[in-house]
Structures are given as C-alpha cells and as structure tokens.
C-alpha atoms as a PDB file:
ATOM      1  CA  MET A   1       0.000   0.000   0.000  1.00  0.00           C
ATOM      2  CA  GLN A   2       1.334   3.387  -0.986  1.00  0.00           C
ATOM      3  CA  THR A   3       0.947   6.473   1.169  1.00  0.00           C
ATOM      4  CA  VAL A   4       0.020   9.744  -0.511  1.00  0.00           C
ATOM      5  CA  ARG A   5      -0.680  13.204   0.876  1.00  0.00           C
ATOM      6  CA  ALA A   6      -4.214  14.481   0.228  1.00  0.00           C
ATOM      7  CA  ALA A   7      -2.919  17.459  -1.774  1.00  0.00           C
ATOM      8  CA  ASP A   8      -0.835  15.175  -4.000  1.00  0.00           C
ATOM      9  CA  ALA A   9      -3.719  12.740  -4.438  1.00  0.00           C
ATOM     10  CA  ASN A  10      -5.872  15.682  -5.523  1.00  0.00           C
ATOM     11  CA  ARG A  11      -3.269  17.027  -7.971  1.00  0.00           C
ATOM     12  CA  HIS A  12      -2.565  13.623  -9.503  1.00  0.00           C
ATOM     13  CA  PHE A  13      -5.951  11.964  -9.085  1.00  0.00           C
ATOM     14  CA  SER A  14      -6.125  10.497 -12.599  1.00  0.00           C
ATOM     15  CA  ASN A  15      -2.726   8.862 -12.060  1.00  0.00           C
ATOM     16  CA  VAL A  16      -3.857   7.504  -8.684  1.00  0.00           C
ATOM     17  CA  LEU A  17      -6.992   6.040 -10.284  1.00  0.00           C
ATOM     18  CA  LYS A  18      -4.943   4.464 -13.053  1.00  0.00           C
ATOM     19  CA  GLN A  19      -2.720   2.751 -10.489  1.00  0.00           C
ATOM     20  CA  VAL A  20      -5.755   1.660  -8.438  1.00  0.00           C
ATOM     21  CA  SER A  21      -7.281   0.095 -11.568  1.00  0.00           C
ATOM     22  CA  GLN A  22      -4.075  -1.959 -11.832  1.00  0.00           C
ATOM     23  CA  GLY A  23      -4.500  -3.264  -8.266  1.00  0.00           C
ATOM     24  CA  GLU A  24      -2.541  -0.698  -6.242  1.00  0.00           C
ATOM     25  CA  GLU A  25      -3.884   0.561  -2.901  1.00  0.00           C
ATOM     26  CA  PHE A  26      -3.377   4.040  -1.444  1.00  0.00           C
ATOM     27  CA  LEU A  27      -3.553   5.423   2.085  1.00  0.00           C
ATOM     28  CA  VAL A  28      -4.377   9.141   1.935  1.00  0.00           C
ATOM     29  CA  ILE A  29      -2.798  11.320   4.643  1.00  0.00           C
ATOM     30  CA  SER A  30      -4.002  14.802   5.627  1.00  0.00           C
ATOM     31  CA  ARG A  31      -2.061  16.821   8.202  1.00  0.00           C
ATOM     32  CA  GLY A  32      -0.132  13.701   9.161  1.00  0.00           C
ATOM     33  CA  ARG A  33      -3.226  11.586   9.834  1.00  0.00           C
ATOM     34  CA  PRO A  34      -4.756   8.850   7.690  1.00  0.00           C
ATOM     35  CA  VAL A  35      -8.108  10.021   6.317  1.00  0.00           C
ATOM     36  CA  ALA A  36      -8.959   7.633   3.488  1.00  0.00           C
ATOM     37  CA  THR A  37      -8.036   4.454   1.717  1.00  0.00           C
ATOM     38  CA  ILE A  38      -8.403   4.126  -2.038  1.00  0.00           C
ATOM     39  CA  LEU A  39      -8.774   0.480  -3.076  1.00  0.00           C
ATOM     40  CA  PRO A  40      -9.758  -1.332  -6.259  1.00  0.00           C
ATOM     41  CA  VAL A  41     -13.353  -2.545  -6.334  1.00  0.00           C
ATOM     42  CA  LYS A  42     -13.637  -6.222  -5.484  1.00  0.00           C
ATOM     43  CA  LYS A  43     -15.127  -8.429  -8.152  1.00  0.00           C
ATOM     44  CA  ALA A  44     -18.414 -10.141  -7.364  1.00  0.00           C
ATOM     45  CA  ASP A  45     -17.953 -13.816  -6.616  1.00  0.00           C
ATOM     46  CA  SER A  46     -19.375 -16.577  -8.782  1.00  0.00           C
ATOM     47  CA  SER A  47     -22.287 -17.258  -6.393  1.00  0.00           C
ATOM     48  CA  HIS A  48     -23.593 -13.743  -7.094  1.00  0.00           C
ATOM     49  CA  HIS A  49     -23.570 -14.397 -10.841  1.00  0.00           C
ATOM     50  CA  ALA A  50     -25.193 -17.816 -10.394  1.00  0.00           C
ATOM     51  CA  ALA A  51     -27.993 -16.348  -8.262  1.00  0.00           C
ATOM     52  CA  ARG A  52     -28.586 -13.590 -10.815  1.00  0.00           C
ATOM     53  CA  GLU A  53     -28.794 -16.089 -13.682  1.00  0.00           C
ATOM     54  CA  LEU A  54     -31.216 -18.262 -11.711  1.00  0.00           C
ATOM     55  CA  LEU A  55     -33.455 -15.251 -11.022  1.00  0.00           C
ATOM     56  CA  PHE A  56     -33.475 -14.206 -14.692  1.00  0.00           C
ATOM     57  CA  ARG A  57     -34.334 -17.736 -15.822  1.00  0.00           C
ATOM     58  CA  ARG A  58     -37.179 -17.935 -13.304  1.00  0.00           C
ATOM     59  CA  LEU A  59     -38.581 -14.538 -14.273  1.00  0.00           C
ATOM     60  CA  THR A  60     -38.477 -15.233 -17.999  1.00  0.00           C
ATOM     61  CA  SER A  61     -40.150 -18.613 -17.573  1.00  0.00           C
ATOM     62  CA  GLN A  62     -43.098 -17.306 -15.546  1.00  0.00           C
ATOM     63  CA  GLU A  63     -46.426 -16.547 -17.191  1.00  0.00           C
ATOM     64  CA  VAL A  64     -47.396 -12.877 -17.326  1.00  0.00           C
ATOM     65  CA  ILE A  65     -50.569 -12.350 -15.327  1.00  0.00           C
ATOM     66  CA  GLY A  66     -52.971  -9.509 -15.914  1.00  0.00           C
ATOM     67  CA  THR A  67     -51.633  -7.754 -18.950  1.00  0.00           C
ATOM     68  CA  ARG A  68     -54.598  -5.366 -18.801  1.00  0.00           C
ATOM     69  CA  ARG A  69     -55.168  -3.239 -15.780  1.00  0.00           C
ATOM     70  CA  SER A  70     -58.565  -3.386 -14.157  1.00  0.00           C
ATOM     71  CA  TRP A  71     -58.557   0.199 -12.876  1.00  0.00           C
ATOM     72  CA  THR A  72     -58.525   3.624 -14.383  1.00  0.00           C
ATOM     73  CA  ARG A  73     -56.265   6.505 -13.527  1.00  0.00           C
ATOM     74  CA  ASP A  74     -59.223   8.379 -11.993  1.00  0.00           C
ATOM     75  CA  GLU A  75     -60.037   5.396  -9.781  1.00  0.00           C
ATOM     76  CA  LEU A  76     -56.454   5.165  -8.636  1.00  0.00           C
ATOM     77  CA  TYR A  77     -56.336   8.825  -7.562  1.00  0.00           C
ATOM     78  CA  ALA A  78     -59.896   9.054  -6.202  1.00  0.00           C
ATOM     79  CA  SER A  79     -59.966  10.086  -2.579  1.00  0.00           C
END
C-alpha cells in the first residue's frame, strides 16, 4: 500500500486512479493523519452471478398475469 498526501492525491488523481485500476492501494494522509483508503473494487464472486442467472431464468419462464389493468387513472387517484 502506498501512502500519498491528500494534496498530492488531488493534484494527480487520474494517475492515482490508473494505479488503483491496476490493483494498487493508497492510504491518503491529511495533516499527518490517515483520512482515506483508495482500493480497487472487489469483483463479485461466482455465487452472485449464479444467483442472478437463476433469477433471470425464473422470471423469464413465468407466465405474465394480468396484462390489462382493471382500474382507471381516476379510480387510482380518487380520494
């Protein structure tokens, strides 16, 4: 993990982001104290993708119920 002063991180932010996208981590220091950590985003694990695929398959296989609405706009907003 690299340490960078807040002012330098601000001045060279695009460079910091480029390095973060390549896996580098930064600890941002302001007035001698750590204030932030800039880390690459973690990839979703395979169970997340499997659950998403299962949901999409289930939704696309279900029958659409009630394609016509049984109420009017006026009925919906009637008080």
